[in-house]
C-alpha atoms as a PDB file:
ATOM      1  CA  UNK A   1     196.923 213.508 -10.868  1.00  0.00           C
ATOM      2  CA  UNK A   2     200.548 212.640 -11.390  1.00  0.00           C
ATOM      3  CA  UNK A   3     201.337 208.913 -11.493  1.00  0.00           C
ATOM      4  CA  UNK A   4     204.756 207.289 -11.172  1.00  0.00           C
ATOM      5  CA  UNK A   5     204.726 203.869 -12.822  1.00  0.00           C
ATOM      6  CA  UNK A   6     207.731 201.680 -12.007  1.00  0.00           C
ATOM      7  CA  UNK A   7     208.557 198.883 -14.414  1.00  0.00           C
ATOM      8  CA  UNK A   8     206.689 200.965 -16.994  1.00  0.00           C
ATOM      9  CA  UNK A   9     208.259 199.190 -19.971  1.00  0.00           C
ATOM     10  CA  UNK A  10     207.528 195.721 -18.590  1.00  0.00           C
ATOM     11  CA  UNK A  11     204.894 193.295 -19.821  1.00  0.00           C
ATOM     12  CA  UNK A  12     202.058 194.743 -17.693  1.00  0.00           C
ATOM     13  CA  UNK A  13     203.579 198.182 -17.073  1.00  0.00           C
ATOM     14  CA  UNK A  14     203.316 199.200 -20.718  1.00  0.00           C
ATOM     15  CA  UNK A  15     199.555 198.684 -20.653  1.00  0.00           C
ATOM     16  CA  UNK A  16     199.099 200.525 -17.353  1.00  0.00           C
ATOM     17  CA  UNK A  17     201.104 203.459 -18.721  1.00  0.00           C
ATOM     18  CA  UNK A  18     199.118 203.510 -21.973  1.00  0.00           C
ATOM     19  CA  UNK A  19     195.815 203.422 -20.076  1.00  0.00           C
ATOM     20  CA  UNK A  20     196.772 206.396 -17.905  1.00  0.00           C
ATOM     21  CA  UNK A  21     198.193 208.454 -20.795  1.00  0.00           C
ATOM     22  CA  UNK A  22     195.072 207.779 -22.867  1.00  0.00           C
ATOM     23  CA  UNK A  23     192.988 209.222 -20.027  1.00  0.00           C
ATOM     24  CA  UNK A  24     195.031 212.406 -20.056  1.00  0.00           C
ATOM     25  CA  UNK A  25     196.842 211.742 -16.783  1.00  0.00           C
ATOM     26  CA  UNK A  26     200.378 212.990 -16.113  1.00  0.00           C
ATOM     27  CA  UNK A  27     202.604 209.909 -16.062  1.00  0.00           C
ATOM     28  CA  UNK A  28     206.236 209.493 -15.064  1.00  0.00           C
ATOM     29  CA  UNK A  29     207.552 206.168 -16.372  1.00  0.00           C
ATOM     30  CA  UNK A  30     210.417 204.749 -14.326  1.00  0.00           C
ATOM     31  CA  UNK A  31     212.529 202.501 -16.530  1.00  0.00           C
ATOM     32  CA  UNK A  32     216.046 201.084 -16.742  1.00  0.00           C
ATOM     33  CA  UNK A  33     216.161 200.604 -20.511  1.00  0.00           C
ATOM     34  CA  UNK A  34     214.048 201.026 -23.676  1.00  0.00           C
ATOM     35  CA  UNK A  35     211.459 203.752 -24.036  1.00  0.00           C
ATOM     36  CA  UNK A  36     209.486 202.501 -27.049  1.00  0.00           C
ATOM     37  CA  UNK A  37     205.758 202.279 -26.522  1.00  0.00           C
ATOM     38  CA  UNK A  38     205.717 204.869 -23.726  1.00  0.00           C
ATOM     39  CA  UNK A  39     204.664 207.879 -25.789  1.00  0.00           C
ATOM     40  CA  UNK A  40     203.048 210.609 -23.731  1.00  0.00           C
ATOM     41  CA  UNK A  41     204.893 209.760 -20.518  1.00  0.00           C
ATOM     42  CA  UNK A  42     207.817 211.582 -18.922  1.00  0.00           C
ATOM     43  CA  UNK A  43     210.761 209.206 -18.593  1.00  0.00           C
ATOM     44  CA  UNK A  44     212.643 208.707 -15.342  1.00  0.00           C
ATOM     45  CA  UNK A  45     215.735 206.677 -16.225  1.00  0.00           C
ATOM     46  CA  UNK A  46     216.968 205.158 -13.025  1.00  0.00           C
ATOM     47  CA  UNK A  47     217.004 202.016 -10.936  1.00  0.00           C
ATOM     48  CA  UNK A  48     214.368 202.466  -8.249  1.00  0.00           C
ATOM     49  CA  UNK A  49     215.896 199.473  -6.413  1.00  0.00           C
ATOM     50  CA  UNK A  50     218.881 201.712  -5.701  1.00  0.00           C
ATOM     51  CA  UNK A  51     216.717 204.534  -4.370  1.00  0.00           C
ATOM     52  CA  UNK A  52     217.873 207.161  -1.900  1.00  0.00           C
ATOM     53  CA  UNK A  53     215.936 209.388   0.474  1.00  0.00           C
ATOM     54  CA  UNK A  54     215.551 211.865  -2.425  1.00  0.00           C
ATOM     55  CA  UNK A  55     213.654 209.489  -4.733  1.00  0.00           C
ATOM     56  CA  UNK A  56     210.271 211.176  -4.165  1.00  0.00           C
ATOM     57  CA  UNK A  57     211.651 214.527  -5.315  1.00  0.00           C
ATOM     58  CA  UNK A  58     213.722 212.948  -8.092  1.00  0.00           C
ATOM     59  CA  UNK A  59     210.623 211.347  -9.624  1.00  0.00           C
ATOM     60  CA  UNK A  60     208.627 214.579  -9.597  1.00  0.00           C
ATOM     61  CA  UNK A  61     206.699 214.228  -6.331  1.00  0.00           C
ATOM     62  CA  UNK A  62     203.918 212.001  -7.724  1.00  0.00           C
ATOM     63  CA  UNK A  63     200.435 211.809  -6.218  1.00  0.00           C
ATOM     64  CA  UNK A  64     200.286 208.044  -6.758  1.00  0.00           C
ATOM     65  CA  UNK A  65     202.900 205.338  -7.257  1.00  0.00           C
ATOM     66  CA  UNK A  66     202.005 202.200  -9.216  1.00  0.00           C
ATOM     67  CA  UNK A  67     204.815 199.818  -8.329  1.00  0.00           C
ATOM     68  CA  UNK A  68     205.224 197.128 -10.989  1.00  0.00           C
ATOM     69  CA  UNK A  69     209.014 196.823 -11.201  1.00  0.00           C
ATOM     70  CA  UNK A  70     210.062 193.264 -10.423  1.00  0.00           C
ATOM     71  CA  UNK A  71     213.086 191.286 -11.602  1.00  0.00           C
ATOM     72  CA  UNK A  72     212.631 187.719 -12.933  1.00  0.00           C
ATOM     73  CA  UNK A  73     208.869 187.830 -12.510  1.00  0.00           C
ATOM     74  CA  UNK A  74     208.402 184.843 -14.829  1.00  0.00           C
ATOM     75  CA  UNK A  75     211.013 182.702 -13.000  1.00  0.00           C
ATOM     76  CA  UNK A  76     209.375 181.639  -9.756  1.00  0.00           C
ATOM     77  CA  UNK A  77     212.475 179.988  -8.256  1.00  0.00           C
ATOM     78  CA  UNK A  78     214.861 182.863  -9.020  1.00  0.00           C
ATOM     79  CA  UNK A  79     216.991 183.980  -6.036  1.00  0.00           C
ATOM     80  CA  UNK A  80     216.414 187.596  -7.121  1.00  0.00           C
ATOM     81  CA  UNK A  81     212.955 187.628  -5.517  1.00  0.00           C
ATOM     82  CA  UNK A  82     214.260 187.331  -1.972  1.00  0.00           C
ATOM     83  CA  UNK A  83     217.527 189.163  -2.672  1.00  0.00           C
ATOM     84  CA  UNK A  84     215.672 192.301  -3.836  1.00  0.00           C
ATOM     85  CA  UNK A  85     213.147 192.478  -1.000  1.00  0.00           C
ATOM     86  CA  UNK A  86     215.135 194.968   1.064  1.00  0.00           C
ATOM     87  CA  UNK A  87     215.532 197.247  -1.961  1.00  0.00           C
ATOM     88  CA  UNK A  88     211.779 197.165  -2.681  1.00  0.00           C
ATOM     89  CA  UNK A  89     211.056 197.970   0.955  1.00  0.00           C
ATOM     90  CA  UNK A  90     213.551 200.854   0.931  1.00  0.00           C
ATOM     91  CA  UNK A  91     212.006 202.291  -2.230  1.00  0.00           C
ATOM     92  CA  UNK A  92     208.498 202.270  -0.740  1.00  0.00           C
ATOM     93  CA  UNK A  93     209.648 203.725   2.569  1.00  0.00           C
ATOM     94  CA  UNK A  94     211.745 206.429   0.891  1.00  0.00           C
ATOM     95  CA  UNK A  95     208.747 207.463  -1.220  1.00  0.00           C
ATOM     96  CA  UNK A  96     206.480 207.612   1.831  1.00  0.00           C
ATOM     97  CA  UNK A  97     209.050 209.529   3.864  1.00  0.00           C
ATOM     98  CA  UNK A  98     209.301 212.022   1.028  1.00  0.00           C
ATOM     99  CA  UNK A  99     205.577 212.701   1.144  1.00  0.00           C
ATOM    100  CA  UNK A 100     203.840 210.103  -1.053  1.00  0.00           C
ATOM    101  CA  UNK A 101     200.170 209.742  -0.102  1.00  0.00           C
ATOM    102  CA  UNK A 102     199.065 206.725  -2.163  1.00  0.00           C
ATOM    103  CA  UNK A 103     200.746 203.580  -3.428  1.00  0.00           C
ATOM    104  CA  UNK A 104     199.409 200.640  -5.387  1.00  0.00           C
ATOM    105  CA  UNK A 105     201.790 197.719  -5.779  1.00  0.00           C
ATOM    106  CA  UNK A 106     201.095 194.754  -8.011  1.00  0.00           C
ATOM    107  CA  UNK A 107     200.923 191.299  -6.483  1.00  0.00           C
ATOM    108  CA  UNK A 108     200.046 187.812  -7.611  1.00  0.00           C
ATOM    109  CA  UNK A 109     197.775 184.890  -6.853  1.00  0.00           C
ATOM    110  CA  UNK A 110     200.984 182.966  -6.137  1.00  0.00           C
ATOM    111  CA  UNK A 111     200.916 184.653  -2.719  1.00  0.00           C
ATOM    112  CA  UNK A 112     198.043 182.297  -1.878  1.00  0.00           C
ATOM    113  CA  UNK A 113     199.810 178.998  -2.469  1.00  0.00           C
ATOM    114  CA  UNK A 114     197.840 175.788  -2.925  1.00  0.00           C
ATOM    115  CA  UNK A 115     194.150 176.653  -2.790  1.00  0.00           C
ATOM    116  CA  UNK A 116     190.861 175.511  -4.241  1.00  0.00           C
ATOM    117  CA  UNK A 117     188.058 177.967  -4.862  1.00  0.00           C
ATOM    118  CA  UNK A 118     187.653 181.741  -5.000  1.00  0.00           C
ATOM    119  CA  UNK A 119     190.203 184.121  -3.483  1.00  0.00           C
ATOM    120  CA  UNK A 120     189.267 187.313  -1.650  1.00  0.00           C
ATOM    121  CA  UNK A 121     191.238 189.704   0.547  1.00  0.00           C
ATOM    122  CA  UNK A 122     190.755 187.457   3.594  1.00  0.00           C
ATOM    123  CA  UNK A 123     192.016 184.239   1.995  1.00  0.00           C
ATOM    124  CA  UNK A 124     195.029 182.940   3.980  1.00  0.00           C
ATOM    125  CA  UNK A 125     198.381 183.144   2.213  1.00  0.00           C
ATOM    126  CA  UNK A 126     200.734 180.152   2.160  1.00  0.00           C
ATOM    127  CA  UNK A 127     203.137 180.834  -0.733  1.00  0.00           C
ATOM    128  CA  UNK A 128     205.134 177.854  -1.969  1.00  0.00           C
ATOM    129  CA  UNK A 129     208.049 179.353  -3.944  1.00  0.00           C
ATOM    130  CA  UNK A 130     210.389 182.389  -3.669  1.00  0.00           C
ATOM    131  CA  UNK A 131     208.310 184.562  -5.998  1.00  0.00           C
ATOM    132  CA  UNK A 132     205.138 184.080  -3.972  1.00  0.00           C
ATOM    133  CA  UNK A 133     206.977 184.436  -0.648  1.00  0.00           C
ATOM    134  CA  UNK A 134     208.626 187.706  -1.718  1.00  0.00           C
ATOM    135  CA  UNK A 135     205.421 189.271  -3.021  1.00  0.00           C
ATOM    136  CA  UNK A 136     203.493 188.247   0.087  1.00  0.00           C
ATOM    137  CA  UNK A 137     206.191 189.700   2.355  1.00  0.00           C
ATOM    138  CA  UNK A 138     206.271 192.996   0.458  1.00  0.00           C
ATOM    139  CA  UNK A 139     202.485 193.270   0.664  1.00  0.00           C
ATOM    140  CA  UNK A 140     202.619 192.944   4.448  1.00  0.00           C
ATOM    141  CA  UNK A 141     205.499 195.421   4.781  1.00  0.00           C
ATOM    142  CA  UNK A 142     203.760 197.949   2.532  1.00  0.00           C
ATOM    143  CA  UNK A 143     200.618 197.718   4.658  1.00  0.00           C
ATOM    144  CA  UNK A 144     202.605 198.477   7.822  1.00  0.00           C
ATOM    145  CA  UNK A 145     204.485 201.371   6.212  1.00  0.00           C
ATOM    146  CA  UNK A 146     201.299 202.933   4.848  1.00  0.00           C
ATOM    147  CA  UNK A 147     199.765 202.778   8.308  1.00  0.00           C
ATOM    148  CA  UNK A 148     202.881 204.410   9.748  1.00  0.00           C
ATOM    149  CA  UNK A 149     202.906 207.231   7.174  1.00  0.00           C
ATOM    150  CA  UNK A 150     199.111 207.507   6.889  1.00  0.00           C
ATOM    151  CA  UNK A 151     199.089 206.790   3.168  1.00  0.00           C
ATOM    152  CA  UNK A 152     196.534 204.989   1.006  1.00  0.00           C
ATOM    153  CA  UNK A 153     197.565 201.325   0.726  1.00  0.00           C
ATOM    154  CA  UNK A 154     196.472 199.338  -2.340  1.00  0.00           C
ATOM    155  CA  UNK A 155     197.603 195.938  -3.573  1.00  0.00           C
ATOM    156  CA  UNK A 156     196.457 194.818  -7.033  1.00  0.00           C
ATOM    157  CA  UNK A 157     196.479 191.021  -6.984  1.00  0.00           C
ATOM    158  CA  UNK A 158     196.771 189.550 -10.484  1.00  0.00           C
ATOM    159  CA  UNK A 159     195.868 186.050 -11.634  1.00  0.00           C
ATOM    160  CA  UNK A 160     196.593 184.305 -14.969  1.00  0.00           C
ATOM    161  CA  UNK A 161     197.607 186.945 -17.517  1.00  0.00           C
ATOM    162  CA  UNK A 162     197.552 186.376 -21.263  1.00  0.00           C
ATOM    163  CA  UNK A 163     197.748 188.482 -24.427  1.00  0.00           C
ATOM    164  CA  UNK A 164     200.660 190.239 -26.170  1.00  0.00           C
ATOM    165  CA  UNK A 165     202.056 186.745 -26.010  1.00  0.00           C
ATOM    166  CA  UNK A 166     205.368 187.466 -27.716  1.00  0.00           C
ATOM    167  CA  UNK A 167     206.316 189.440 -24.563  1.00  0.00           C
ATOM    168  CA  UNK A 168     204.861 187.017 -22.037  1.00  0.00           C
ATOM    169  CA  UNK A 169     206.203 183.700 -20.756  1.00  0.00           C
ATOM    170  CA  UNK A 170     202.869 181.913 -20.461  1.00  0.00           C
ATOM    171  CA  UNK A 171     201.709 178.633 -21.927  1.00  0.00           C
ATOM    172  CA  UNK A 172     200.447 180.649 -24.910  1.00  0.00           C
ATOM    173  CA  UNK A 173     203.898 182.121 -25.525  1.00  0.00           C
ATOM    174  CA  UNK A 174     205.336 178.614 -25.521  1.00  0.00           C
ATOM    175  CA  UNK A 175     202.646 177.411 -27.926  1.00  0.00           C
ATOM    176  CA  UNK A 176     203.561 180.148 -30.409  1.00  0.00           C
ATOM    177  CA  UNK A 177     207.253 179.338 -30.100  1.00  0.00           C
ATOM    178  CA  UNK A 178     206.653 175.632 -30.644  1.00  0.00           C
ATOM    179  CA  UNK A 179     204.547 176.415 -33.732  1.00  0.00           C
ATOM    180  CA  UNK A 180     207.332 178.619 -35.132  1.00  0.00           C
ATOM    181  CA  UNK A 181     209.808 175.797 -34.562  1.00  0.00           C
ATOM    182  CA  UNK A 182     207.617 173.466 -36.627  1.00  0.00           C
ATOM    183  CA  UNK A 183     206.699 171.117 -33.798  1.00  0.00           C
ATOM    184  CA  UNK A 184     203.650 168.965 -34.433  1.00  0.00           C
ATOM    185  CA  UNK A 185     202.698 168.374 -30.792  1.00  0.00           C
ATOM    186  CA  UNK A 186     202.764 170.273 -27.540  1.00  0.00           C
ATOM    187  CA  UNK A 187     202.843 168.298 -24.242  1.00  0.00           C
ATOM    188  CA  UNK A 188     200.634 169.537 -21.398  1.00  0.00           C
ATOM    189  CA  UNK A 189     199.134 168.382 -18.133  1.00  0.00           C
ATOM    190  CA  UNK A 190     195.521 167.216 -18.029  1.00  0.00           C
ATOM    191  CA  UNK A 191     194.269 170.709 -18.859  1.00  0.00           C
ATOM    192  CA  UNK A 192     191.490 170.389 -16.310  1.00  0.00           C
ATOM    193  CA  UNK A 193     192.903 173.061 -14.004  1.00  0.00           C
ATOM    194  CA  UNK A 194     190.589 176.052 -13.556  1.00  0.00           C
ATOM    195  CA  UNK A 195     192.199 179.496 -13.619  1.00  0.00           C
ATOM    196  CA  UNK A 196     191.134 183.126 -13.716  1.00  0.00           C
ATOM    197  CA  UNK A 197     192.365 184.449 -17.065  1.00  0.00           C
ATOM    198  CA  UNK A 198     192.578 188.163 -17.840  1.00  0.00           C
ATOM    199  CA  UNK A 199     193.965 189.812 -20.974  1.00  0.00           C
ATOM    200  CA  UNK A 200     196.951 192.058 -20.267  1.00  0.00           C
ATOM    201  CA  UNK A 201     195.256 195.090 -21.860  1.00  0.00           C
ATOM    202  CA  UNK A 202     192.211 194.679 -19.612  1.00  0.00           C
ATOM    203  CA  UNK A 203     194.515 194.179 -16.640  1.00  0.00           C
ATOM    204  CA  UNK A 204     196.235 197.469 -17.454  1.00  0.00           C
ATOM    205  CA  UNK A 205     192.862 199.206 -17.354  1.00  0.00           C
ATOM    206  CA  UNK A 206     191.945 197.538 -14.049  1.00  0.00           C
ATOM    207  CA  UNK A 207     195.175 198.613 -12.356  1.00  0.00           C
ATOM    208  CA  UNK A 208     194.776 202.161 -13.680  1.00  0.00           C
ATOM    209  CA  UNK A 209     191.181 202.209 -12.402  1.00  0.00           C
ATOM    210  CA  UNK A 210     192.123 200.974  -8.937  1.00  0.00           C
ATOM    211  CA  UNK A 211     194.947 203.515  -8.580  1.00  0.00           C
ATOM    212  CA  UNK A 212     192.796 206.412  -9.784  1.00  0.00           C
ATOM    213  CA  UNK A 213     190.542 206.314  -6.724  1.00  0.00           C
ATOM    214  CA  UNK A 214     191.072 206.122  -2.960  1.00  0.00           C
ATOM    215  CA  UNK A 215     187.819 204.724  -1.580  1.00  0.00           C
ATOM    216  CA  UNK A 216     188.645 201.065  -2.249  1.00  0.00           C
ATOM    217  CA  UNK A 217     191.916 200.071  -0.587  1.00  0.00           C
ATOM    218  CA  UNK A 218     193.842 197.013   0.560  1.00  0.00           C
ATOM    219  CA  UNK A 219     193.939 193.916  -1.637  1.00  0.00           C
ATOM    220  CA  UNK A 220     192.049 194.429  -4.891  1.00  0.00           C
ATOM    221  CA  UNK A 221     191.769 191.350  -7.089  1.00  0.00           C
ATOM    222  CA  UNK A 222     192.334 192.413 -10.700  1.00  0.00           C
ATOM    223  CA  UNK A 223     190.627 189.519 -12.395  1.00  0.00           C
ATOM    224  CA  UNK A 224     187.597 188.306 -14.333  1.00  0.00           C
ATOM    225  CA  UNK A 225     186.058 186.424 -11.425  1.00  0.00           C
ATOM    226  CA  UNK A 226     185.314 183.490 -13.757  1.00  0.00           C
ATOM    227  CA  UNK A 227     187.144 180.133 -13.553  1.00  0.00           C
ATOM    228  CA  UNK A 228     187.977 178.704 -16.989  1.00  0.00           C
ATOM    229  CA  UNK A 229     189.796 175.450 -17.714  1.00  0.00           C
ATOM    230  CA  UNK A 230     193.291 175.570 -19.164  1.00  0.00           C
ATOM    231  CA  UNK A 231     192.105 173.139 -21.855  1.00  0.00           C
ATOM    232  CA  UNK A 232     189.364 175.533 -22.981  1.00  0.00           C
ATOM    233  CA  UNK A 233     191.766 178.461 -23.188  1.00  0.00           C
ATOM    234  CA  UNK A 234     194.440 176.483 -25.060  1.00  0.00           C
ATOM    235  CA  UNK A 235     192.006 175.083 -27.612  1.00  0.00           C
ATOM    236  CA  UNK A 236     190.484 178.534 -28.183  1.00  0.00           C
ATOM    237  CA  UNK A 237     193.959 180.044 -28.569  1.00  0.00           C
ATOM    238  CA  UNK A 238     195.003 177.422 -31.139  1.00  0.00           C
ATOM    239  CA  UNK A 239     191.816 177.968 -33.133  1.00  0.00           C
ATOM    240  CA  UNK A 240     191.917 181.778 -32.955  1.00  0.00           C
ATOM    241  CA  UNK A 241     195.547 181.930 -34.083  1.00  0.00           C
ATOM    242  CA  UNK A 242     195.150 179.231 -36.748  1.00  0.00           C
ATOM    243  CA  UNK A 243     197.893 177.052 -35.255  1.00  0.00           C
ATOM    244  CA  UNK A 244     198.554 173.560 -36.582  1.00  0.00           C
ATOM    245  CA  UNK A 245     200.174 172.232 -33.415  1.00  0.00           C
ATOM    246  CA  UNK A 246     198.266 169.563 -31.479  1.00  0.00           C
ATOM    247  CA  UNK A 247     198.092 169.556 -27.661  1.00  0.00           C
ATOM    248  CA  UNK A 248     198.952 166.295 -25.935  1.00  0.00           C
ATOM    249  CA  UNK A 249     196.918 166.209 -22.726  1.00  0.00           C
ATOM    250  CA  UNK A 250     198.243 164.343 -19.702  1.00  0.00           C
ATOM    251  CA  UNK A 251     201.850 164.306 -20.921  1.00  0.00           C
ATOM    252  CA  UNK A 252     202.972 165.968 -17.673  1.00  0.00           C
ATOM    253  CA  UNK A 253     201.786 165.294 -14.135  1.00  0.00           C
ATOM    254  CA  UNK A 254     200.370 168.139 -12.069  1.00  0.00           C
ATOM    255  CA  UNK A 255     202.944 169.873  -9.884  1.00  0.00           C
ATOM    256  CA  UNK A 256     202.345 169.726  -6.119  1.00  0.00           C
ATOM    257  CA  UNK A 257     201.892 173.496  -5.903  1.00  0.00           C
ATOM    258  CA  UNK A 258     199.491 173.788  -8.861  1.00  0.00           C
ATOM    259  CA  UNK A 259     196.079 174.756  -7.512  1.00  0.00           C
ATOM    260  CA  UNK A 260     193.416 172.638  -9.186  1.00  0.00           C
ATOM    261  CA  UNK A 261     190.883 175.485  -9.223  1.00  0.00           C
ATOM    262  CA  UNK A 262     191.656 179.057  -8.203  1.00  0.00           C
ATOM    263  CA  UNK A 263     190.011 182.320  -9.225  1.00  0.00           C
ATOM    264  CA  UNK A 264     189.560 185.801  -7.859  1.00  0.00           C
ATOM    265  CA  UNK A 265     186.592 187.425  -6.202  1.00  0.00           C
ATOM    266  CA  UNK A 266     186.275 190.561  -8.335  1.00  0.00           C
ATOM    267  CA  UNK A 267     183.901 192.577  -6.137  1.00  0.00           C
ATOM    268  CA  UNK A 268     186.543 195.145  -5.151  1.00  0.00           C
ATOM    269  CA  UNK A 269     187.697 195.941  -8.686  1.00  0.00           C
ATOM    270  CA  UNK A 270     184.038 196.482  -9.588  1.00  0.00           C
ATOM    271  CA  UNK A 271     183.698 198.777  -6.566  1.00  0.00           C
ATOM    272  CA  UNK A 272     186.885 200.595  -7.606  1.00  0.00           C
ATOM    273  CA  UNK A 273     185.402 201.296 -11.019  1.00  0.00           C
ATOM    274  CA  UNK A 274     182.149 202.525  -9.494  1.00  0.00           C
ATOM    275  CA  UNK A 275     184.125 204.836  -7.208  1.00  0.00           C
ATOM    276  CA  UNK A 276     186.061 206.167 -10.198  1.00  0.00           C
ATOM    277  CA  UNK A 277     182.825 206.810 -12.115  1.00  0.00           C
ATOM    278  CA  UNK A 278     181.474 208.740  -9.110  1.00  0.00           C
ATOM    279  CA  UNK A 279     184.621 210.885  -9.115  1.00  0.00           C
ATOM    280  CA  UNK A 280     184.215 211.593 -12.843  1.00  0.00           C
ATOM    281  CA  UNK A 281     180.595 212.663 -12.371  1.00  0.00           C
ATOM    282  CA  UNK A 282     181.534 214.912  -9.440  1.00  0.00           C
ATOM    283  CA  UNK A 283     184.279 216.551 -11.496  1.00  0.00           C
END
């Protein structure tokens, strides 16, 4: 199959692209700048947020689109999230009008809002900041458009991503930066929050798996399914990386929109992988 990966040189996109290329798939990487780390992919240099009705042909008429491109993804209050919604919608609709038959876009647990417990595809969404609102809106629009154009609709919902921390903007990235700056302490909240952590390389494999099959559709949680405390992850990270910095727990209060315990139900990503294995056996 031919895959178009938007945002292919982004934090997650690089790992999705690598996973597909390693499997021998034909990959078109849509980027706006930098091509390092995308060996084996055909480069489409263009801004998909300025797409025209010809975008499907321009990108090589892919079988599947994996839509990762997103501006200011680490800045939840950025005005770009809502400002770019129309452009994201136009891109998806232009691809479907051109003949695209399958699209997987990448979402976030921030679509859910404040929530305690596991998250599945039926969990109500009540996003609490522009990033979550924009992603949730695009998910709903994509679902409607895929129904209209009779295309396979998939939404890979991601949770707390870590790994390749020099390129991330997570708590682990900030720990490394503070260590480099020679700081002795690092202020944190209580650390008792429970999150679903997944390494970015494993996430890349999950997204590639989900997009490589058509039996499992809709919202697919790309996650571990296991809640782990922030304190456990931070302490393990400090030990693994041999950091000298000391965490100061309880230095910051919890934010109103911080879910105290939230993790994904991973049944559908497991089903996706089983479906993919069935396809491999049949081939």
